[in-house]
Amino acid sequence: GAGHLRTLFEIVLPLVIPYVSVVLMFSVITQWNSWMLPKIYL
C-alpha cells in the first residue's frame, strides 16, 4: 500500500546511495568551480 513518493524515498533511495553520492560529488565540484555562468549572468 505504499505510494510512489514513499517507495522512492524510503525503499529505493537507500538502495541507490552509491549512485546518488556520485551525482552529489559531481554536482558539488561543478558548482564550486563554476565561474563562467556567474561571469555571464552577474
Full PDB file with SEQRES, HELIX, SHEET, SSBOND, CRYST1, ORIGX, SCALE, CONECT and MASTER records, all heavy atoms in Angstrom:
SEQRES   1 A   42  GLY ALA GLY HIS LEU ARG THR LEU PHE GLU ILE VAL LEU          
SEQRES   2 A   42  PRO LEU VAL ILE PRO TYR VAL SER VAL VAL LEU MET PHE          
SEQRES   3 A   42  SER VAL ILE THR GLN TRP ASN SER TRP MET LEU PRO LYS          
SEQRES   4 A   42  ILE TYR LEU                                                  
HELIX    1 AA1 HIS A    4  ARG A    6  1                                   3    
HELIX    2 AA2 THR A    7  VAL A   12  3                                   6    
HELIX    3 AA3 LEU A   13  LEU A   15  1                                   3    
HELIX    4 AA4 ILE A   17  TRP A   32  1                                  16    
HELIX    5 AA5 MET A   36  TYR A   41  1                                   6    
CRYST1    1.000    1.000    1.000  90.00  90.00  90.00 P 1           1          
ORIGX1      1.000000  0.000000  0.000000        0.00000                         
ORIGX2      0.000000  1.000000  0.000000        0.00000                         
ORIGX3      0.000000  0.000000  1.000000        0.00000                         
SCALE1      1.000000  0.000000  0.000000        0.00000                         
SCALE2      0.000000  1.000000  0.000000        0.00000                         
SCALE3      0.000000  0.000000  1.000000        0.00000                         
ATOM      1  N   GLY A   1       0.781  -1.225   0.000  1.00  0.00           N  
ATOM      2  CA  GLY A   1       0.000   0.000   0.000  1.00  0.00           C  
ATOM      3  C   GLY A   1       0.812   1.274   0.000  1.00  0.00           C  
ATOM      4  O   GLY A   1       0.247   2.361   0.210  1.00  0.00           O  
ATOM      5  N   ALA A   2       2.122   1.203  -0.237  1.00  0.00           N  
ATOM      6  CA  ALA A   2       2.953   2.402  -0.252  1.00  0.00           C  
ATOM      7  C   ALA A   2       2.767   3.147  -1.565  1.00  0.00           C  
ATOM      8  O   ALA A   2       2.654   2.537  -2.641  1.00  0.00           O  
ATOM      9  CB  ALA A   2       4.426   2.027  -0.065  1.00  0.00           C  
ATOM     10  N   GLY A   3       2.735   4.494  -1.488  1.00  0.00           N  
ATOM     11  CA  GLY A   3       2.642   5.313  -2.681  1.00  0.00           C  
ATOM     12  C   GLY A   3       3.998   5.472  -3.348  1.00  0.00           C  
ATOM     13  O   GLY A   3       5.023   4.983  -2.853  1.00  0.00           O  
ATOM     14  N   HIS A   4       3.999   6.184  -4.471  1.00  0.00           N  
ATOM     15  CA  HIS A   4       5.243   6.321  -5.227  1.00  0.00           C  
ATOM     16  C   HIS A   4       6.290   7.131  -4.456  1.00  0.00           C  
ATOM     17  O   HIS A   4       7.478   6.775  -4.459  1.00  0.00           O  
ATOM     18  CB  HIS A   4       4.951   6.985  -6.578  1.00  0.00           C  
ATOM     19  CG  HIS A   4       4.236   6.085  -7.532  1.00  0.00           C  
ATOM     20  ND1 HIS A   4       4.806   4.952  -8.056  1.00  0.00           N  
ATOM     21  CD2 HIS A   4       2.979   6.154  -8.055  1.00  0.00           C  
ATOM     22  CE1 HIS A   4       3.957   4.352  -8.880  1.00  0.00           C  
ATOM     23  NE2 HIS A   4       2.832   5.059  -8.890  1.00  0.00           N  
ATOM     24  N   LEU A   5       5.886   8.220  -3.819  1.00  0.00           N  
ATOM     25  CA  LEU A   5       6.859   9.039  -3.095  1.00  0.00           C  
ATOM     26  C   LEU A   5       7.460   8.270  -1.926  1.00  0.00           C  
ATOM     27  O   LEU A   5       8.661   8.342  -1.671  1.00  0.00           O  
ATOM     28  CB  LEU A   5       6.200  10.333  -2.613  1.00  0.00           C  
ATOM     29  CG  LEU A   5       5.862  11.362  -3.694  1.00  0.00           C  
ATOM     30  CD1 LEU A   5       5.179  12.581  -3.076  1.00  0.00           C  
ATOM     31  CD2 LEU A   5       7.121  11.790  -4.443  1.00  0.00           C  
ATOM     32  N   ARG A   6       6.628   7.554  -1.195  1.00  0.00           N  
ATOM     33  CA  ARG A   6       7.138   6.765  -0.068  1.00  0.00           C  
ATOM     34  C   ARG A   6       8.043   5.649  -0.566  1.00  0.00           C  
ATOM     35  O   ARG A   6       9.091   5.371   0.040  1.00  0.00           O  
ATOM     36  CB  ARG A   6       5.965   6.184   0.724  1.00  0.00           C  
ATOM     37  CG  ARG A   6       6.403   5.471   1.998  1.00  0.00           C  
ATOM     38  CD  ARG A   6       5.217   5.031   2.828  1.00  0.00           C  
ATOM     39  NE  ARG A   6       5.648   4.397   4.056  1.00  0.00           N  
ATOM     40  CZ  ARG A   6       4.829   3.880   4.959  1.00  0.00           C  
ATOM     41  NH1 ARG A   6       3.520   3.950   4.778  1.00  0.00           N  
ATOM     42  NH2 ARG A   6       5.313   3.315   6.054  1.00  0.00           N  
ATOM     43  N   THR A   7       7.665   5.020  -1.669  1.00  0.00           N  
ATOM     44  CA  THR A   7       8.516   3.970  -2.240  1.00  0.00           C  
ATOM     45  C   THR A   7       9.863   4.530  -2.666  1.00  0.00           C  
ATOM     46  O   THR A   7      10.916   3.912  -2.428  1.00  0.00           O  
ATOM     47  CB  THR A   7       7.813   3.328  -3.449  1.00  0.00           C  
ATOM     48  OG1 THR A   7       6.562   2.770  -3.032  1.00  0.00           O  
ATOM     49  CG2 THR A   7       8.678   2.236  -4.053  1.00  0.00           C  
ATOM     50  N   LEU A   8       9.826   5.715  -3.279  1.00  0.00           N  
ATOM     51  CA  LEU A   8      11.070   6.317  -3.761  1.00  0.00           C  
ATOM     52  C   LEU A   8      12.010   6.670  -2.619  1.00  0.00           C  
ATOM     53  O   LEU A   8      13.187   6.289  -2.635  1.00  0.00           O  
ATOM     54  CB  LEU A   8      10.747   7.561  -4.589  1.00  0.00           C  
ATOM     55  CG  LEU A   8      11.938   8.435  -5.012  1.00  0.00           C  
ATOM     56  CD1 LEU A   8      12.923   7.641  -5.861  1.00  0.00           C  
ATOM     57  CD2 LEU A   8      11.456   9.673  -5.765  1.00  0.00           C  
ATOM     58  N   PHE A   9      11.515   7.391  -1.621  1.00  0.00           N  
ATOM     59  CA  PHE A   9      12.394   7.938  -0.594  1.00  0.00           C  
ATOM     60  C   PHE A   9      12.674   6.965   0.556  1.00  0.00           C  
ATOM     61  O   PHE A   9      13.696   7.106   1.230  1.00  0.00           O  
ATOM     62  CB  PHE A   9      11.797   9.233  -0.035  1.00  0.00           C  
ATOM     63  CG  PHE A   9      11.826  10.374  -1.017  1.00  0.00           C  
ATOM     64  CD1 PHE A   9      10.676  10.764  -1.692  1.00  0.00           C  
ATOM     65  CD2 PHE A   9      13.016  11.035  -1.302  1.00  0.00           C  
ATOM     66  CE1 PHE A   9      10.704  11.804  -2.600  1.00  0.00           C  
ATOM     67  CE2 PHE A   9      13.053  12.070  -2.215  1.00  0.00           C  
ATOM     68  CZ  PHE A   9      11.892  12.456  -2.871  1.00  0.00           C  
ATOM     69  N   GLU A  10      11.822   5.979   0.764  1.00  0.00           N  
ATOM     70  CA  GLU A  10      12.042   5.052   1.871  1.00  0.00           C  
ATOM     71  C   GLU A  10      12.549   3.683   1.426  1.00  0.00           C  
ATOM     72  O   GLU A  10      13.211   3.000   2.204  1.00  0.00           O  
ATOM     73  CB  GLU A  10      10.742   4.863   2.675  1.00  0.00           C  
ATOM     74  CG  GLU A  10      10.269   6.121   3.393  1.00  0.00           C  
ATOM     75  CD  GLU A  10       9.079   5.857   4.293  1.00  0.00           C  
ATOM     76  OE1 GLU A  10       8.752   4.667   4.520  1.00  0.00           O  
ATOM     77  OE2 GLU A  10       8.465   6.826   4.766  1.00  0.00           O  
ATOM     78  N   ILE A  11      12.262   3.293   0.200  1.00  0.00           N  
ATOM     79  CA  ILE A  11      12.666   1.973  -0.285  1.00  0.00           C  
ATOM     80  C   ILE A  11      13.805   2.068  -1.296  1.00  0.00           C  
ATOM     81  O   ILE A  11      14.856   1.443  -1.140  1.00  0.00           O  
ATOM     82  CB  ILE A  11      11.466   1.231  -0.920  1.00  0.00           C  
ATOM     83  CG1 ILE A  11      10.280   1.178   0.047  1.00  0.00           C  
ATOM     84  CG2 ILE A  11      11.885  -0.172  -1.351  1.00  0.00           C  
ATOM     85  CD1 ILE A  11      10.531   0.404   1.306  1.00  0.00           C  
ATOM     86  N   VAL A  12      13.589   2.878  -2.334  1.00  0.00           N  
ATOM     87  CA  VAL A  12      14.536   2.910  -3.457  1.00  0.00           C  
ATOM     88  C   VAL A  12      15.782   3.719  -3.120  1.00  0.00           C  
ATOM     89  O   VAL A  12      16.911   3.286  -3.401  1.00  0.00           O  
ATOM     90  CB  VAL A  12      13.846   3.474  -4.714  1.00  0.00           C  
ATOM     91  CG1 VAL A  12      14.840   3.578  -5.866  1.00  0.00           C  
ATOM     92  CG2 VAL A  12      12.674   2.598  -5.106  1.00  0.00           C  
ATOM     93  N   LEU A  13      15.604   4.887  -2.518  1.00  0.00           N  
ATOM     94  CA  LEU A  13      16.742   5.780  -2.272  1.00  0.00           C  
ATOM     95  C   LEU A  13      17.858   5.123  -1.459  1.00  0.00           C  
ATOM     96  O   LEU A  13      19.039   5.247  -1.828  1.00  0.00           O  
ATOM     97  CB  LEU A  13      16.259   7.065  -1.590  1.00  0.00           C  
ATOM     98  CG  LEU A  13      17.325   8.105  -1.261  1.00  0.00           C  
ATOM     99  CD1 LEU A  13      18.065   8.524  -2.522  1.00  0.00           C  
ATOM    100  CD2 LEU A  13      16.705   9.318  -0.593  1.00  0.00           C  
ATOM    101  N   PRO A  14      17.564   4.413  -0.349  1.00  0.00           N  
ATOM    102  CA  PRO A  14      18.668   3.772   0.387  1.00  0.00           C  
ATOM    103  C   PRO A  14      19.433   2.739  -0.429  1.00  0.00           C  
ATOM    104  O   PRO A  14      20.604   2.459  -0.139  1.00  0.00           O  
ATOM    105  CB  PRO A  14      17.953   3.110   1.582  1.00  0.00           C  
ATOM    106  CG  PRO A  14      16.691   3.886   1.744  1.00  0.00           C  
ATOM    107  CD  PRO A  14      16.279   4.265   0.368  1.00  0.00           C  
ATOM    108  N   LEU A  15      18.795   2.169  -1.458  1.00  0.00           N  
ATOM    109  CA  LEU A  15      19.442   1.136  -2.271  1.00  0.00           C  
ATOM    110  C   LEU A  15      20.342   1.725  -3.357  1.00  0.00           C  
ATOM    111  O   LEU A  15      21.158   0.992  -3.933  1.00  0.00           O  
ATOM    112  CB  LEU A  15      18.380   0.238  -2.919  1.00  0.00           C  
ATOM    113  CG  LEU A  15      17.479  -0.537  -1.947  1.00  0.00           C  
ATOM    114  CD1 LEU A  15      16.408  -1.285  -2.717  1.00  0.00           C  
ATOM    115  CD2 LEU A  15      18.309  -1.512  -1.119  1.00  0.00           C  
ATOM    116  N   VAL A  16      20.170   3.002  -3.664  1.00  0.00           N  
ATOM    117  CA  VAL A  16      20.957   3.626  -4.740  1.00  0.00           C  
ATOM    118  C   VAL A  16      21.865   4.728  -4.199  1.00  0.00           C  
ATOM    119  O   VAL A  16      22.251   5.635  -4.946  1.00  0.00           O  
ATOM    120  CB  VAL A  16      20.033   4.185  -5.850  1.00  0.00           C  
ATOM    121  CG1 VAL A  16      19.301   3.068  -6.552  1.00  0.00           C  
ATOM    122  CG2 VAL A  16      19.049   5.199  -5.281  1.00  0.00           C  
ATOM    123  N   ILE A  17      22.191   4.649  -2.923  1.00  0.00           N  
ATOM    124  CA  ILE A  17      23.067   5.657  -2.314  1.00  0.00           C  
ATOM    125  C   ILE A  17      24.404   5.782  -3.043  1.00  0.00           C  
ATOM    126  O   ILE A  17      24.892   6.913  -3.241  1.00  0.00           O  
ATOM    127  CB  ILE A  17      23.289   5.344  -0.819  1.00  0.00           C  
ATOM    128  CG1 ILE A  17      22.013   5.651  -0.030  1.00  0.00           C  
ATOM    129  CG2 ILE A  17      24.445   6.166  -0.258  1.00  0.00           C  
ATOM    130  CD1 ILE A  17      21.614   7.105  -0.044  1.00  0.00           C  
ATOM    131  N   PRO A  18      25.050   4.694  -3.468  1.00  0.00           N  
ATOM    132  CA  PRO A  18      26.319   4.864  -4.201  1.00  0.00           C  
ATOM    133  C   PRO A  18      26.174   5.712  -5.457  1.00  0.00           C  
ATOM    134  O   PRO A  18      27.013   6.568  -5.743  1.00  0.00           O  
ATOM    135  CB  PRO A  18      26.721   3.423  -4.547  1.00  0.00           C  
ATOM    136  CG  PRO A  18      26.082   2.599  -3.495  1.00  0.00           C  
ATOM    137  CD  PRO A  18      24.782   3.266  -3.206  1.00  0.00           C  
ATOM    138  N   TYR A  19      25.099   5.512  -6.216  1.00  0.00           N  
ATOM    139  CA  TYR A  19      24.872   6.306  -7.423  1.00  0.00           C  
ATOM    140  C   TYR A  19      24.581   7.767  -7.063  1.00  0.00           C  
ATOM    141  O   TYR A  19      25.072   8.693  -7.713  1.00  0.00           O  
ATOM    142  CB  TYR A  19      23.703   5.726  -8.217  1.00  0.00           C  
ATOM    143  CG  TYR A  19      23.924   4.322  -8.702  1.00  0.00           C  
ATOM    144  CD1 TYR A  19      23.528   3.230  -7.935  1.00  0.00           C  
ATOM    145  CD2 TYR A  19      24.530   4.082  -9.926  1.00  0.00           C  
ATOM    146  CE1 TYR A  19      23.735   1.932  -8.378  1.00  0.00           C  
ATOM    147  CE2 TYR A  19      24.734   2.789 -10.376  1.00  0.00           C  
ATOM    148  CZ  TYR A  19      24.334   1.718  -9.594  1.00  0.00           C  
ATOM    149  OH  TYR A  19      24.545   0.450 -10.044  1.00  0.00           O  
ATOM    150  N   VAL A  20      23.777   7.947  -6.032  1.00  0.00           N  
ATOM    151  CA  VAL A  20      23.438   9.304  -5.607  1.00  0.00           C  
ATOM    152  C   VAL A  20      24.677  10.043  -5.131  1.00  0.00           C  
ATOM    153  O   VAL A  20      24.840  11.243  -5.383  1.00  0.00           O  
ATOM    154  CB  VAL A  20      22.367   9.259  -4.501  1.00  0.00           C  
ATOM    155  CG1 VAL A  20      22.137  10.640  -3.900  1.00  0.00           C  
ATOM    156  CG2 VAL A  20      21.052   8.715  -5.057  1.00  0.00           C  
ATOM    157  N   SER A  21      25.571   9.352  -4.431  1.00  0.00           N  
ATOM    158  CA  SER A  21      26.788  10.003  -3.936  1.00  0.00           C  
ATOM    159  C   SER A  21      27.666  10.495  -5.080  1.00  0.00           C  
ATOM    160  O   SER A  21      28.295  11.558  -4.981  1.00  0.00           O  
ATOM    161  CB  SER A  21      27.578   9.040  -3.044  1.00  0.00           C  
ATOM    162  OG  SER A  21      28.019   7.916  -3.776  1.00  0.00           O  
ATOM    163  N   VAL A  22      27.697   9.741  -6.178  1.00  0.00           N  
ATOM    164  CA  VAL A  22      28.476  10.173  -7.346  1.00  0.00           C  
ATOM    165  C   VAL A  22      27.853  11.431  -7.949  1.00  0.00           C  
ATOM    166  O   VAL A  22      28.559  12.394  -8.291  1.00  0.00           O  
ATOM    167  CB  VAL A  22      28.544   9.050  -8.395  1.00  0.00           C  
ATOM    168  CG1 VAL A  22      29.238   9.543  -9.652  1.00  0.00           C  
ATOM    169  CG2 VAL A  22      29.281   7.856  -7.834  1.00  0.00           C  
ATOM    170  N   VAL A  23      26.523  11.443  -8.079  1.00  0.00           N  
ATOM    171  CA  VAL A  23      25.829  12.618  -8.601  1.00  0.00           C  
ATOM    172  C   VAL A  23      26.076  13.824  -7.702  1.00  0.00           C  
ATOM    173  O   VAL A  23      26.327  14.943  -8.176  1.00  0.00           O  
ATOM    174  CB  VAL A  23      24.322  12.337  -8.739  1.00  0.00           C  
ATOM    175  CG1 VAL A  23      23.566  13.603  -9.115  1.00  0.00           C  
ATOM    176  CG2 VAL A  23      24.078  11.256  -9.780  1.00  0.00           C  
ATOM    177  N   LEU A  24      26.024  13.611  -6.386  1.00  0.00           N  
ATOM    178  CA  LEU A  24      26.273  14.693  -5.439  1.00  0.00           C  
ATOM    179  C   LEU A  24      27.687  15.239  -5.595  1.00  0.00           C  
ATOM    180  O   LEU A  24      27.894  16.464  -5.604  1.00  0.00           O  
ATOM    181  CB  LEU A  24      26.061  14.199  -4.004  1.00  0.00           C  
ATOM    182  CG  LEU A  24      24.621  13.985  -3.554  1.00  0.00           C  
ATOM    183  CD1 LEU A  24      24.600  13.381  -2.153  1.00  0.00           C  
ATOM    184  CD2 LEU A  24      23.841  15.283  -3.568  1.00  0.00           C  
ATOM    185  N   MET A  25      28.658  14.341  -5.710  1.00  0.00           N  
ATOM    186  CA  MET A  25      30.038  14.783  -5.824  1.00  0.00           C  
ATOM    187  C   MET A  25      30.261  15.587  -7.098  1.00  0.00           C  
ATOM    188  O   MET A  25      30.881  16.660  -7.078  1.00  0.00           O  
ATOM    189  CB  MET A  25      30.989  13.585  -5.788  1.00  0.00           C  
ATOM    190  CG  MET A  25      32.459  13.982  -5.750  1.00  0.00           C  
ATOM    191  SD  MET A  25      33.562  12.586  -5.894  1.00  0.00           S  
ATOM    192  CE  MET A  25      33.263  12.084  -7.580  1.00  0.00           C  
ATOM    193  N   PHE A  26      29.730  15.102  -8.226  1.00  0.00           N  
ATOM    194  CA  PHE A  26      29.880  15.820  -9.481  1.00  0.00           C  
ATOM    195  C   PHE A  26      29.188  17.178  -9.419  1.00  0.00           C  
ATOM    196  O   PHE A  26      29.699  18.181  -9.937  1.00  0.00           O  
ATOM    197  CB  PHE A  26      29.318  14.992 -10.637  1.00  0.00           C  
ATOM    198  CG  PHE A  26      30.179  13.826 -11.020  1.00  0.00           C  
ATOM    199  CD1 PHE A  26      29.654  12.750 -11.710  1.00  0.00           C  
ATOM    200  CD2 PHE A  26      31.521  13.803 -10.682  1.00  0.00           C  
ATOM    201  CE1 PHE A  26      30.456  11.667 -12.064  1.00  0.00           C  
ATOM    202  CE2 PHE A  26      32.336  12.734 -11.022  1.00  0.00           C  
ATOM    203  CZ  PHE A  26      31.803  11.667 -11.716  1.00  0.00           C  
ATOM    204  N   SER A  27      28.014  17.226  -8.794  1.00  0.00           N  
ATOM    205  CA  SER A  27      27.280  18.492  -8.691  1.00  0.00           C  
ATOM    206  C   SER A  27      28.041  19.498  -7.840  1.00  0.00           C  
ATOM    207  O   SER A  27      28.147  20.676  -8.191  1.00  0.00           O  
ATOM    208  CB  SER A  27      25.890  18.245  -8.097  1.00  0.00           C  
ATOM    209  OG  SER A  27      25.117  17.409  -8.929  1.00  0.00           O  
ATOM    210  N   VAL A  28      28.574  19.033  -6.715  1.00  0.00           N  
ATOM    211  CA  VAL A  28      29.314  19.930  -5.823  1.00  0.00           C  
ATOM    212  C   VAL A  28      30.552  20.480  -6.518  1.00  0.00           C  
ATOM    213  O   VAL A  28      30.825  21.690  -6.479  1.00  0.00           O  
ATOM    214  CB  VAL A  28      29.690  19.197  -4.523  1.00  0.00           C  
ATOM    215  CG1 VAL A  28      30.676  20.029  -3.705  1.00  0.00           C  
ATOM    216  CG2 VAL A  28      28.440  18.912  -3.695  1.00  0.00           C  
ATOM    217  N   ILE A  29      31.311  19.601  -7.168  1.00  0.00           N  
ATOM    218  CA  ILE A  29      32.534  20.041  -7.842  1.00  0.00           C  
ATOM    219  C   ILE A  29      32.208  20.999  -8.992  1.00  0.00           C  
ATOM    220  O   ILE A  29      32.885  22.023  -9.171  1.00  0.00           O  
ATOM    221  CB  ILE A  29      33.324  18.822  -8.361  1.00  0.00           C  
ATOM    222  CG1 ILE A  29      33.850  18.002  -7.184  1.00  0.00           C  
ATOM    223  CG2 ILE A  29      34.478  19.261  -9.253  1.00  0.00           C  
ATOM    224  CD1 ILE A  29      34.549  16.737  -7.588  1.00  0.00           C  
ATOM    225  N   THR A  30      31.160  20.679  -9.759  1.00  0.00           N  
ATOM    226  CA  THR A  30      30.783  21.534 -10.892  1.00  0.00           C  
ATOM    227  C   THR A  30      30.405  22.933 -10.427  1.00  0.00           C  
ATOM    228  O   THR A  30      30.873  23.937 -10.975  1.00  0.00           O  
ATOM    229  CB  THR A  30      29.612  20.905 -11.658  1.00  0.00           C  
ATOM    230  OG1 THR A  30      30.018  19.628 -12.171  1.00  0.00           O  
ATOM    231  CG2 THR A  30      29.191  21.798 -12.813  1.00  0.00           C  
ATOM    232  N   GLN A  31      29.548  22.998  -9.400  1.00  0.00           N  
ATOM    233  CA  GLN A  31      29.089  24.303  -8.942  1.00  0.00           C  
ATOM    234  C   GLN A  31      30.184  25.051  -8.195  1.00  0.00           C  
ATOM    235  O   GLN A  31      30.301  26.273  -8.318  1.00  0.00           O  
ATOM    236  CB  GLN A  31      27.856  24.135  -8.042  1.00  0.00           C  
ATOM    237  CG  GLN A  31      27.256  25.434  -7.546  1.00  0.00           C  
ATOM    238  CD  GLN A  31      26.764  26.326  -8.676  1.00  0.00           C  
ATOM    239  OE1 GLN A  31      26.438  25.848  -9.756  1.00  0.00           O  
ATOM    240  NE2 GLN A  31      26.711  27.621  -8.447  1.00  0.00           N  
ATOM    241  N   TRP A  32      30.984  24.344  -7.409  1.00  0.00           N  
ATOM    242  CA  TRP A  32      32.026  25.016  -6.634  1.00  0.00           C  
ATOM    243  C   TRP A  32      33.056  25.680  -7.540  1.00  0.00           C  
ATOM    244  O   TRP A  32      33.551  26.776  -7.250  1.00  0.00           O  
ATOM    245  CB  TRP A  32      32.707  24.016  -5.709  1.00  0.00           C  
ATOM    246  CG  TRP A  32      33.659  24.644  -4.753  1.00  0.00           C  
ATOM    247  CD1 TRP A  32      34.995  24.906  -4.962  1.00  0.00           C  
ATOM    248  CD2 TRP A  32      33.367  25.143  -3.449  1.00  0.00           C  
ATOM    249  NE1 TRP A  32      35.539  25.505  -3.875  1.00  0.00           N  
ATOM    250  CE2 TRP A  32      34.569  25.669  -2.915  1.00  0.00           C  
ATOM    251  CE3 TRP A  32      32.218  25.178  -2.674  1.00  0.00           C  
ATOM    252  CZ2 TRP A  32      34.637  26.234  -1.654  1.00  0.00           C  
ATOM    253  CZ3 TRP A  32      32.282  25.733  -1.409  1.00  0.00           C  
ATOM    254  CH2 TRP A  32      33.481  26.264  -0.922  1.00  0.00           C  
ATOM    255  N   ASN A  33      33.393  25.029  -8.635  1.00  0.00           N  
ATOM    256  CA  ASN A  33      34.422  25.550  -9.539  1.00  0.00           C  
ATOM    257  C   ASN A  33      33.856  26.417 -10.659  1.00  0.00           C  
ATOM    258  O   ASN A  33      34.620  26.912 -11.496  1.00  0.00           O  
ATOM    259  CB  ASN A  33      35.207  24.391 -10.159  1.00  0.00           C  
ATOM    260  CG  ASN A  33      36.013  23.637  -9.135  1.00  0.00           C  
ATOM    261  OD1 ASN A  33      36.496  24.219  -8.167  1.00  0.00           O  
ATOM    262  ND2 ASN A  33      36.154  22.333  -9.320  1.00  0.00           N  
ATOM    263  N   SER A  34      32.534  26.583 -10.702  1.00  0.00           N  
ATOM    264  CA  SER A  34      31.918  27.311 -11.810  1.00  0.00           C  
ATOM    265  C   SER A  34      32.183  28.811 -11.693  1.00  0.00           C  
ATOM    266  O   SER A  34      31.890  29.429 -10.666  1.00  0.00           O  
ATOM    267  CB  SER A  34      30.406  27.054 -11.828  1.00  0.00           C  
ATOM    268  OG  SER A  34      29.783  27.819 -12.825  1.00  0.00           O  
ATOM    269  N   TRP A  35      32.727  29.384 -12.747  1.00  0.00           N  
ATOM    270  CA  TRP A  35      32.928  30.835 -12.800  1.00  0.00           C  
ATOM    271  C   TRP A  35      32.389  31.440 -14.099  1.00  0.00           C  
ATOM    272  O   TRP A  35      32.124  32.635 -14.169  1.00  0.00           O  
ATOM    273  CB  TRP A  35      34.417  31.177 -12.690  1.00  0.00           C  
ATOM    274  CG  TRP A  35      35.251  30.623 -13.812  1.00  0.00           C  
ATOM    275  CD1 TRP A  35      35.866  29.419 -13.852  1.00  0.00           C  
ATOM    276  CD2 TRP A  35      35.522  31.256 -15.068  1.00  0.00           C  
ATOM    277  NE1 TRP A  35      36.503  29.249 -15.058  1.00  0.00           N  
ATOM    278  CE2 TRP A  35      36.319  30.365 -15.825  1.00  0.00           C  
ATOM    279  CE3 TRP A  35      35.164  32.479 -15.618  1.00  0.00           C  
ATOM    280  CZ2 TRP A  35      36.762  30.662 -17.095  1.00  0.00           C  
ATOM    281  CZ3 TRP A  35      35.613  32.780 -16.905  1.00  0.00           C  
ATOM    282  CH2 TRP A  35      36.405  31.881 -17.618  1.00  0.00           C  
ATOM    283  N   MET A  36      32.175  30.604 -15.115  1.00  0.00           N  
ATOM    284  CA  MET A  36      31.711  31.116 -16.393  1.00  0.00           C  
ATOM    285  C   MET A  36      30.282  31.652 -16.315  1.00  0.00           C  
ATOM    286  O   MET A  36      30.000  32.778 -16.755  1.00  0.00           O  
ATOM    287  CB  MET A  36      31.800  30.017 -17.460  1.00  0.00           C  
ATOM    288  CG  MET A  36      31.318  30.462 -18.836  1.00  0.00           C  
ATOM    289  SD  MET A  36      32.274  31.830 -19.520  1.00  0.00           S  
ATOM    290  CE  MET A  36      33.777  30.954 -19.990  1.00  0.00           C  
ATOM    291  N   LEU A  37      29.367  30.859 -15.747  1.00  0.00           N  
ATOM    292  CA  LEU A  37      27.979  31.320 -15.639  1.00  0.00           C  
ATOM    293  C   LEU A  37      27.857  32.565 -14.768  1.00  0.00           C  
ATOM    294  O   LEU A  37      27.164  33.521 -15.161  1.00  0.00           O  
ATOM    295  CB  LEU A  37      27.086  30.198 -15.101  1.00  0.00           C  
ATOM    296  CG  LEU A  37      26.801  29.042 -16.059  1.00  0.00           C  
ATOM    297  CD1 LEU A  37      25.866  28.038 -15.403  1.00  0.00           C  
ATOM    298  CD2 LEU A  37      26.211  29.546 -17.362  1.00  0.00           C  
ATOM    299  N   PRO A  38      28.495  32.633 -13.592  1.00  0.00           N  
ATOM    300  CA  PRO A  38      28.425  33.886 -12.827  1.00  0.00           C  
ATOM    301  C   PRO A  38      28.978  35.079 -13.584  1.00  0.00           C  
ATOM    302  O   PRO A  38      28.450  36.185 -13.478  1.00  0.00           O  
ATOM    303  CB  PRO A  38      29.260  33.577 -11.582  1.00  0.00           C  
ATOM    304  CG  PRO A  38      29.186  32.109 -11.431  1.00  0.00           C  
ATOM    305  CD  PRO A  38      29.149  31.562 -12.820  1.00  0.00           C  
ATOM    306  N   LYS A  39      30.037  34.860 -14.353  1.00  0.00           N  
ATOM    307  CA  LYS A  39      30.628  35.975 -15.109  1.00  0.00           C  
ATOM    308  C   LYS A  39      29.678  36.462 -16.192  1.00  0.00           C  
ATOM    309  O   LYS A  39      29.643  37.655 -16.516  1.00  0.00           O  
ATOM    310  CB  LYS A  39      31.956  35.532 -15.723  1.00  0.00           C  
ATOM    311  CG  LYS A  39      32.695  36.662 -16.430  1.00  0.00           C  
ATOM    312  CD  LYS A  39      34.068  36.207 -16.853  1.00  0.00           C  
ATOM    313  CE  LYS A  39      34.795  37.325 -17.606  1.00  0.00           C  
ATOM    314  NZ  LYS A  39      34.951  38.525 -16.778  1.00  0.00           N  
ATOM    315  N   ILE A  40      28.878  35.561 -16.757  1.00  0.00           N  
ATOM    316  CA  ILE A  40      27.951  35.930 -17.820  1.00  0.00           C  
ATOM    317  C   ILE A  40      26.683  36.564 -17.264  1.00  0.00           C  
ATOM    318  O   ILE A  40      26.200  37.578 -17.776  1.00  0.00           O  
ATOM    319  CB  ILE A  40      27.595  34.696 -18.670  1.00  0.00           C  
ATOM    320  CG1 ILE A  40      28.838  34.210 -19.430  1.00  0.00           C  
ATOM    321  CG2 ILE A  40      26.462  35.001 -19.649  1.00  0.00           C  
ATOM    322  CD1 ILE A  40      28.626  32.925 -20.177  1.00  0.00           C  
ATOM    323  N   TYR A  41      26.159  35.987 -16.190  1.00  0.00           N  
ATOM    324  CA  TYR A  41      24.829  36.392 -15.710  1.00  0.00           C  
ATOM    325  C   TYR A  41      24.859  37.423 -14.585  1.00  0.00           C  
ATOM    326  O   TYR A  41      23.817  38.011 -14.289  1.00  0.00           O  
ATOM    327  CB  TYR A  41      24.054  35.165 -15.229  1.00  0.00           C  
ATOM    328  CG  TYR A  41      23.717  34.198 -16.332  1.00  0.00           C  
ATOM    329  CD1 TYR A  41      24.124  32.871 -16.277  1.00  0.00           C  
ATOM    330  CD2 TYR A  41      22.990  34.611 -17.435  1.00  0.00           C  
ATOM    331  CE1 TYR A  41      23.816  31.980 -17.287  1.00  0.00           C  
ATOM    332  CE2 TYR A  41      22.680  33.734 -18.464  1.00  0.00           C  
ATOM    333  CZ  TYR A  41      23.095  32.418 -18.380  1.00  0.00           C  
ATOM    334  OH  TYR A  41      22.802  31.542 -19.386  1.00  0.00           O  
ATOM    335  N   LEU A  42      25.997  37.628 -13.937  1.00  0.00           N  
ATOM    336  CA  LEU A  42      26.070  38.580 -12.828  1.00  0.00           C  
ATOM    337  C   LEU A  42      26.939  39.764 -13.237  1.00  0.00           C  
ATOM    338  O   LEU A  42      28.123  39.593 -13.540  1.00  0.00           O  
ATOM    339  CB  LEU A  42      26.646  37.918 -11.573  1.00  0.00           C  
ATOM    340  CG  LEU A  42      25.871  36.730 -10.998  1.00  0.00           C  
ATOM    341  CD1 LEU A  42      26.558  36.193  -9.765  1.00  0.00           C  
ATOM    342  CD2 LEU A  42      24.424  37.117 -10.687  1.00  0.00           C  
TER     343      LEU A  42                                                      
MASTER        0    0    0    5    0    0    0    6  342    1    0    4          
END                                                                             
